[in-house]
Amino acid sequence: MNPLLSNPHYKSTKLVIDYAGRRFRFGTIYKKPVILVMSGMGLVNAAVATQLLLSLFEIEGVIHYGIAGNANPNLYIGDVTIAEYWSHSAMWNWQRYGDGPENPLSFEGDGGFTREIGYLKIATYSSNGDDNLLNNVWYQAEEVYPVDGTPEQTQQAFWIPVDSNYFSLSKRLEVLFLYLFTSLTTLVK
């Protein structure tokens, strides 16, 4: 957080609110009011921090940046990527022990779980190579409520497009992110 706080484009108003284990810092970036908060690692922390922002403050949007688990070995600290799509790959259907890929999945065929994305056989990763009770896990699409869809009707999506307005904004902020991560890399050395 320190490289962002010391960035010359960030102007603090000195207002700080500590709530629910988080520190909310108020200021501006390019004269646009912002609230900075460190979410912490993982989806749960990101969701809690986002929900706190939405519940406590009148905000127009949320921009999250992080390391994405450094999923691509060709990317390094300081590299900046801006995603056009995202996926929540922790949505799984655990198959009953003893069932194989040819057996039906729970809720399959009812508009629920699907086999489209693929599966992992957990026993493949067992230290002794034996089968285990965890069996197979099938990746599942996320059930989302489309912003322009019918209320209370979900659609399944594995790759979800980023809102075009936020994508455009993130492209404009790319220079700030490059400066931020260059500063961070310099501090780490």
C-alpha atoms as a PDB file:
ATOM      1  CA  MET A   1       0.000   0.000   0.000  1.00  0.00           C
ATOM      2  CA  ASN A   2       2.897   2.382   0.712  1.00  0.00           C
ATOM      3  CA  PRO A   3       3.858   2.936  -2.957  1.00  0.00           C
ATOM      4  CA  LEU A   4       0.270   3.943  -3.719  1.00  0.00           C
ATOM      5  CA  LEU A   5       0.062   6.209  -0.673  1.00  0.00           C
ATOM      6  CA  SER A   6       3.338   7.910  -1.629  1.00  0.00           C
ATOM      7  CA  ASN A   7       2.402   8.265  -5.306  1.00  0.00           C
ATOM      8  CA  PRO A   8       2.357  11.965  -6.282  1.00  0.00           C
ATOM      9  CA  HIS A   9      -1.047  11.498  -7.991  1.00  0.00           C
ATOM     10  CA  TYR A  10      -2.653  10.409  -4.702  1.00  0.00           C
ATOM     11  CA  LYS A  11      -3.620  13.314  -2.440  1.00  0.00           C
ATOM     12  CA  SER A  12      -4.708  12.339   1.072  1.00  0.00           C
ATOM     13  CA  THR A  13      -7.497  14.250   2.827  1.00  0.00           C
ATOM     14  CA  LYS A  14      -6.027  12.918   6.124  1.00  0.00           C
ATOM     15  CA  LEU A  15      -9.417  11.298   6.909  1.00  0.00           C
ATOM     16  CA  VAL A  16      -8.939   7.701   8.038  1.00  0.00           C
ATOM     17  CA  ILE A  17     -11.631   5.343   9.343  1.00  0.00           C
ATOM     18  CA  ASP A  18     -10.650   2.070  11.033  1.00  0.00           C
ATOM     19  CA  TYR A  19     -13.493  -0.439  10.880  1.00  0.00           C
ATOM     20  CA  ALA A  20     -13.799  -4.246  10.947  1.00  0.00           C
ATOM     21  CA  GLY A  21     -10.028  -4.708  10.930  1.00  0.00           C
ATOM     22  CA  ARG A  22      -9.509  -2.494   7.926  1.00  0.00           C
ATOM     23  CA  ARG A  23      -8.262   1.060   7.454  1.00  0.00           C
ATOM     24  CA  PHE A  24     -10.171   3.189   4.947  1.00  0.00           C
ATOM     25  CA  ARG A  25      -8.080   6.103   3.656  1.00  0.00           C
ATOM     26  CA  PHE A  26      -9.767   9.001   1.887  1.00  0.00           C
ATOM     27  CA  GLY A  27      -8.155  11.117  -0.801  1.00  0.00           C
ATOM     28  CA  THR A  28      -8.100  11.877  -4.506  1.00  0.00           C
ATOM     29  CA  ILE A  29      -6.346  10.502  -7.575  1.00  0.00           C
ATOM     30  CA  TYR A  30      -6.345  12.948 -10.481  1.00  0.00           C
ATOM     31  CA  LYS A  31      -8.844  15.043  -8.455  1.00  0.00           C
ATOM     32  CA  LYS A  32     -11.320  12.115  -8.351  1.00  0.00           C
ATOM     33  CA  PRO A  33     -12.403  11.206  -4.781  1.00  0.00           C
ATOM     34  CA  VAL A  34     -11.172   7.743  -3.767  1.00  0.00           C
ATOM     35  CA  ILE A  35     -11.234   5.474  -0.735  1.00  0.00           C
ATOM     36  CA  LEU A  36      -8.231   3.147  -0.408  1.00  0.00           C
ATOM     37  CA  VAL A  37      -8.461  -0.058   1.587  1.00  0.00           C
ATOM     38  CA  MET A  38      -6.238  -3.132   1.696  1.00  0.00           C
ATOM     39  CA  SER A  39      -8.423  -6.200   1.234  1.00  0.00           C
ATOM     40  CA  GLY A  40      -5.919  -8.944   2.000  1.00  0.00           C
ATOM     41  CA  MET A  41      -5.305 -12.174   0.122  1.00  0.00           C
ATOM     42  CA  GLY A  42      -8.051 -14.311  -1.396  1.00  0.00           C
ATOM     43  CA  LEU A  43     -11.620 -14.025  -2.596  1.00  0.00           C
ATOM     44  CA  VAL A  44     -13.158 -13.938   0.876  1.00  0.00           C
ATOM     45  CA  ASN A  45     -11.057 -10.944   1.953  1.00  0.00           C
ATOM     46  CA  ALA A  46     -11.740  -9.172  -1.353  1.00  0.00           C
ATOM     47  CA  ALA A  47     -15.477  -9.825  -0.980  1.00  0.00           C
ATOM     48  CA  VAL A  48     -15.558  -8.568   2.627  1.00  0.00           C
ATOM     49  CA  ALA A  49     -13.620  -5.389   1.782  1.00  0.00           C
ATOM     50  CA  THR A  50     -15.856  -4.746  -1.232  1.00  0.00           C
ATOM     51  CA  GLN A  51     -19.026  -5.331   0.773  1.00  0.00           C
ATOM     52  CA  LEU A  52     -17.793  -2.936   3.473  1.00  0.00           C
ATOM     53  CA  LEU A  53     -17.150  -0.276   0.820  1.00  0.00           C
ATOM     54  CA  LEU A  54     -20.623  -0.774  -0.641  1.00  0.00           C
ATOM     55  CA  SER A  55     -22.368  -0.832   2.749  1.00  0.00           C
ATOM     56  CA  LEU A  56     -20.556   2.032   4.443  1.00  0.00           C
ATOM     57  CA  PHE A  57     -19.926   4.569   1.700  1.00  0.00           C
ATOM     58  CA  GLU A  58     -21.598   6.040  -1.367  1.00  0.00           C
ATOM     59  CA  ILE A  59     -19.273   4.830  -4.112  1.00  0.00           C
ATOM     60  CA  GLU A  60     -19.463   4.738  -7.889  1.00  0.00           C
ATOM     61  CA  GLY A  61     -17.287   1.681  -8.435  1.00  0.00           C
ATOM     62  CA  VAL A  62     -14.486  -0.534  -7.193  1.00  0.00           C
ATOM     63  CA  ILE A  63     -11.075  -1.004  -8.778  1.00  0.00           C
ATOM     64  CA  HIS A  64      -9.121  -3.942  -7.398  1.00  0.00           C
ATOM     65  CA  TYR A  65      -5.498  -4.603  -8.086  1.00  0.00           C
ATOM     66  CA  GLY A  66      -3.327  -7.407  -6.867  1.00  0.00           C
ATOM     67  CA  ILE A  67      -1.053 -10.208  -7.915  1.00  0.00           C
ATOM     68  CA  ALA A  68      -3.692 -12.740  -9.062  1.00  0.00           C
ATOM     69  CA  GLY A  69      -1.669 -15.471  -7.407  1.00  0.00           C
ATOM     70  CA  ASN A  70       1.050 -14.842  -9.976  1.00  0.00           C
ATOM     71  CA  ALA A  71      -0.675 -17.411 -12.176  1.00  0.00           C
ATOM     72  CA  ASN A  72       1.426 -16.782 -15.294  1.00  0.00           C
ATOM     73  CA  PRO A  73       5.116 -17.767 -14.976  1.00  0.00           C
ATOM     74  CA  ASN A  74       5.976 -15.249 -17.715  1.00  0.00           C
ATOM     75  CA  LEU A  75       4.851 -12.341 -15.503  1.00  0.00           C
ATOM     76  CA  TYR A  76       6.945 -10.828 -12.739  1.00  0.00           C
ATOM     77  CA  ILE A  77       6.510  -8.373  -9.877  1.00  0.00           C
ATOM     78  CA  GLY A  78       6.067  -5.004 -11.524  1.00  0.00           C
ATOM     79  CA  ASP A  79       4.392  -6.320 -14.681  1.00  0.00           C
ATOM     80  CA  VAL A  80       0.969  -4.779 -15.227  1.00  0.00           C
ATOM     81  CA  THR A  81      -1.904  -6.719 -16.779  1.00  0.00           C
ATOM     82  CA  ILE A  82      -5.444  -5.535 -17.305  1.00  0.00           C
ATOM     83  CA  ALA A  83      -8.012  -8.305 -17.689  1.00  0.00           C
ATOM     84  CA  GLU A  84     -10.903  -8.110 -20.131  1.00  0.00           C
ATOM     85  CA  TYR A  85     -12.466 -11.269 -18.633  1.00  0.00           C
ATOM     86  CA  TRP A  86     -12.328 -12.977 -15.259  1.00  0.00           C
ATOM     87  CA  SER A  87     -13.224 -16.424 -13.987  1.00  0.00           C
ATOM     88  CA  HIS A  88     -13.992 -17.768 -10.552  1.00  0.00           C
ATOM     89  CA  SER A  89     -12.359 -21.175 -10.850  1.00  0.00           C
ATOM     90  CA  ALA A  90     -13.253 -22.353  -7.332  1.00  0.00           C
ATOM     91  CA  MET A  91     -16.792 -23.421  -8.263  1.00  0.00           C
ATOM     92  CA  TRP A  92     -16.685 -27.219  -8.181  1.00  0.00           C
ATOM     93  CA  ASN A  93     -18.924 -30.270  -8.064  1.00  0.00           C
ATOM     94  CA  TRP A  94     -17.415 -33.050  -5.959  1.00  0.00           C
ATOM     95  CA  GLN A  95     -18.349 -36.435  -7.402  1.00  0.00           C
ATOM     96  CA  ARG A  96     -19.397 -39.220  -5.025  1.00  0.00           C
ATOM     97  CA  TYR A  97     -16.683 -41.691  -4.063  1.00  0.00           C
ATOM     98  CA  GLY A  98     -16.646 -44.648  -6.430  1.00  0.00           C
ATOM     99  CA  ASP A  99     -18.298 -42.748  -9.293  1.00  0.00           C
ATOM    100  CA  GLY A 100     -16.284 -42.145 -12.436  1.00  0.00           C
ATOM    101  CA  PRO A 101     -16.460 -39.675 -15.315  1.00  0.00           C
ATOM    102  CA  GLU A 102     -19.193 -41.802 -16.934  1.00  0.00           C
ATOM    103  CA  ASN A 103     -21.528 -41.480 -13.903  1.00  0.00           C
ATOM    104  CA  PRO A 104     -24.005 -38.601 -13.605  1.00  0.00           C
ATOM    105  CA  LEU A 105     -23.182 -35.545 -11.519  1.00  0.00           C
ATOM    106  CA  SER A 106     -25.485 -34.207  -8.826  1.00  0.00           C
ATOM    107  CA  PHE A 107     -28.068 -31.857 -10.374  1.00  0.00           C
ATOM    108  CA  GLU A 108     -26.746 -32.556 -13.871  1.00  0.00           C
ATOM    109  CA  GLY A 109     -29.413 -32.123 -16.502  1.00  0.00           C
ATOM    110  CA  ASP A 110     -31.558 -29.831 -14.341  1.00  0.00           C
ATOM    111  CA  GLY A 111     -29.801 -26.718 -15.635  1.00  0.00           C
ATOM    112  CA  GLY A 112     -27.313 -27.203 -12.823  1.00  0.00           C
ATOM    113  CA  PHE A 113     -23.871 -28.751 -12.934  1.00  0.00           C
ATOM    114  CA  THR A 114     -22.165 -29.531 -16.208  1.00  0.00           C
ATOM    115  CA  ARG A 115     -19.175 -31.444 -17.580  1.00  0.00           C
ATOM    116  CA  GLU A 116     -18.218 -28.776 -20.114  1.00  0.00           C
ATOM    117  CA  ILE A 117     -15.143 -27.377 -18.360  1.00  0.00           C
ATOM    118  CA  GLY A 118     -13.374 -30.533 -17.176  1.00  0.00           C
ATOM    119  CA  TYR A 119     -12.376 -32.307 -13.973  1.00  0.00           C
ATOM    120  CA  LEU A 120      -9.484 -33.358 -11.786  1.00  0.00           C
ATOM    121  CA  LYS A 121      -9.093 -36.826 -10.332  1.00  0.00           C
ATOM    122  CA  ILE A 122      -7.793 -36.031  -6.854  1.00  0.00           C
ATOM    123  CA  ALA A 123      -6.185 -39.480  -6.431  1.00  0.00           C
ATOM    124  CA  THR A 124      -3.786 -38.556  -9.240  1.00  0.00           C
ATOM    125  CA  TYR A 125      -2.193 -36.130  -6.788  1.00  0.00           C
ATOM    126  CA  SER A 126      -2.121 -38.544  -3.825  1.00  0.00           C
ATOM    127  CA  SER A 127       1.316 -39.068  -2.285  1.00  0.00           C
ATOM    128  CA  ASN A 128       1.031 -42.860  -2.507  1.00  0.00           C
ATOM    129  CA  GLY A 129      -0.982 -43.023  -5.750  1.00  0.00           C
ATOM    130  CA  ASP A 130      -3.958 -44.756  -4.089  1.00  0.00           C
ATOM    131  CA  ASP A 131      -7.528 -43.722  -4.660  1.00  0.00           C
ATOM    132  CA  ASN A 132      -9.072 -41.631  -1.896  1.00  0.00           C
ATOM    133  CA  LEU A 133     -12.477 -40.463  -0.693  1.00  0.00           C
ATOM    134  CA  LEU A 134     -12.162 -37.080  -2.425  1.00  0.00           C
ATOM    135  CA  ASN A 135     -12.673 -38.731  -5.847  1.00  0.00           C
ATOM    136  CA  ASN A 136     -13.221 -36.342  -8.813  1.00  0.00           C
ATOM    137  CA  VAL A 137     -13.920 -32.643  -8.809  1.00  0.00           C
ATOM    138  CA  TRP A 138     -15.589 -31.012 -11.815  1.00  0.00           C
ATOM    139  CA  TYR A 139     -15.062 -27.319 -12.530  1.00  0.00           C
ATOM    140  CA  GLN A 140     -18.324 -25.435 -12.827  1.00  0.00           C
ATOM    141  CA  ALA A 141     -19.436 -22.215 -14.401  1.00  0.00           C
ATOM    142  CA  GLU A 142     -20.458 -19.419 -12.056  1.00  0.00           C
ATOM    143  CA  GLU A 143     -24.151 -18.629 -11.827  1.00  0.00           C
ATOM    144  CA  VAL A 144     -24.430 -14.904 -12.460  1.00  0.00           C
ATOM    145  CA  TYR A 145     -27.297 -12.451 -12.564  1.00  0.00           C
ATOM    146  CA  PRO A 146     -26.874 -10.532 -15.826  1.00  0.00           C
ATOM    147  CA  VAL A 147     -27.285  -6.781 -15.297  1.00  0.00           C
ATOM    148  CA  ASP A 148     -29.572  -6.601 -18.324  1.00  0.00           C
ATOM    149  CA  GLY A 149     -31.345  -9.910 -17.720  1.00  0.00           C
ATOM    150  CA  THR A 150     -34.586 -11.007 -16.129  1.00  0.00           C
ATOM    151  CA  PRO A 151     -34.577 -10.533 -12.325  1.00  0.00           C
ATOM    152  CA  GLU A 152     -33.841 -13.677 -10.293  1.00  0.00           C
ATOM    153  CA  GLN A 153     -32.851 -15.678 -13.381  1.00  0.00           C
ATOM    154  CA  THR A 154     -29.230 -16.691 -13.547  1.00  0.00           C
ATOM    155  CA  GLN A 155     -27.093 -17.713 -16.449  1.00  0.00           C
ATOM    156  CA  GLN A 156     -23.977 -19.831 -16.290  1.00  0.00           C
ATOM    157  CA  ALA A 157     -20.693 -18.281 -17.309  1.00  0.00           C
ATOM    158  CA  PHE A 158     -17.111 -19.436 -16.842  1.00  0.00           C
ATOM    159  CA  TRP A 159     -15.481 -16.385 -18.462  1.00  0.00           C
ATOM    160  CA  ILE A 160     -17.182 -13.184 -17.376  1.00  0.00           C
ATOM    161  CA  PRO A 161     -16.429  -9.951 -19.263  1.00  0.00           C
ATOM    162  CA  VAL A 162     -15.230  -6.942 -17.282  1.00  0.00           C
ATOM    163  CA  ASP A 163     -17.595  -3.973 -17.478  1.00  0.00           C
ATOM    164  CA  SER A 164     -16.468  -1.926 -20.509  1.00  0.00           C
ATOM    165  CA  ASN A 165     -16.483   1.337 -18.509  1.00  0.00           C
ATOM    166  CA  TYR A 166     -14.149  -0.115 -15.874  1.00  0.00           C
ATOM    167  CA  PHE A 167     -11.935  -1.682 -18.530  1.00  0.00           C
ATOM    168  CA  SER A 168     -11.580   1.715 -20.203  1.00  0.00           C
ATOM    169  CA  LEU A 169     -10.834   3.370 -16.849  1.00  0.00           C
ATOM    170  CA  SER A 170      -8.198   0.771 -15.983  1.00  0.00           C
ATOM    171  CA  LYS A 171      -6.477   1.369 -19.324  1.00  0.00           C
ATOM    172  CA  ARG A 172      -6.303   5.090 -18.476  1.00  0.00           C
ATOM    173  CA  LEU A 173      -4.886   4.262 -15.033  1.00  0.00           C
ATOM    174  CA  GLU A 174      -2.241   1.952 -16.510  1.00  0.00           C
ATOM    175  CA  VAL A 175       0.419   4.670 -16.219  1.00  0.00           C
ATOM    176  CA  LEU A 176      -0.353   5.082 -12.512  1.00  0.00           C
ATOM    177  CA  PHE A 177      -0.142   1.319 -11.977  1.00  0.00           C
ATOM    178  CA  LEU A 178       3.174   1.169 -13.852  1.00  0.00           C
ATOM    179  CA  TYR A 179       4.532   3.945 -11.626  1.00  0.00           C
ATOM    180  CA  LEU A 180       3.166   2.221  -8.523  1.00  0.00           C
ATOM    181  CA  PHE A 181       4.702  -1.156  -9.311  1.00  0.00           C
ATOM    182  CA  THR A 182       7.986   0.357 -10.468  1.00  0.00           C
ATOM    183  CA  SER A 183       8.141   2.074  -7.072  1.00  0.00           C
ATOM    184  CA  LEU A 184       7.223  -1.187  -5.323  1.00  0.00           C
ATOM    185  CA  THR A 185       9.890  -3.126  -7.228  1.00  0.00           C
ATOM    186  CA  THR A 186      12.443  -0.465  -6.329  1.00  0.00           C
ATOM    187  CA  LEU A 187      11.485  -0.705  -2.651  1.00  0.00           C
ATOM    188  CA  VAL A 188      11.707  -4.504  -2.677  1.00  0.00           C
ATOM    189  CA  LYS A 189      15.232  -4.570  -4.158  1.00  0.00           C
END
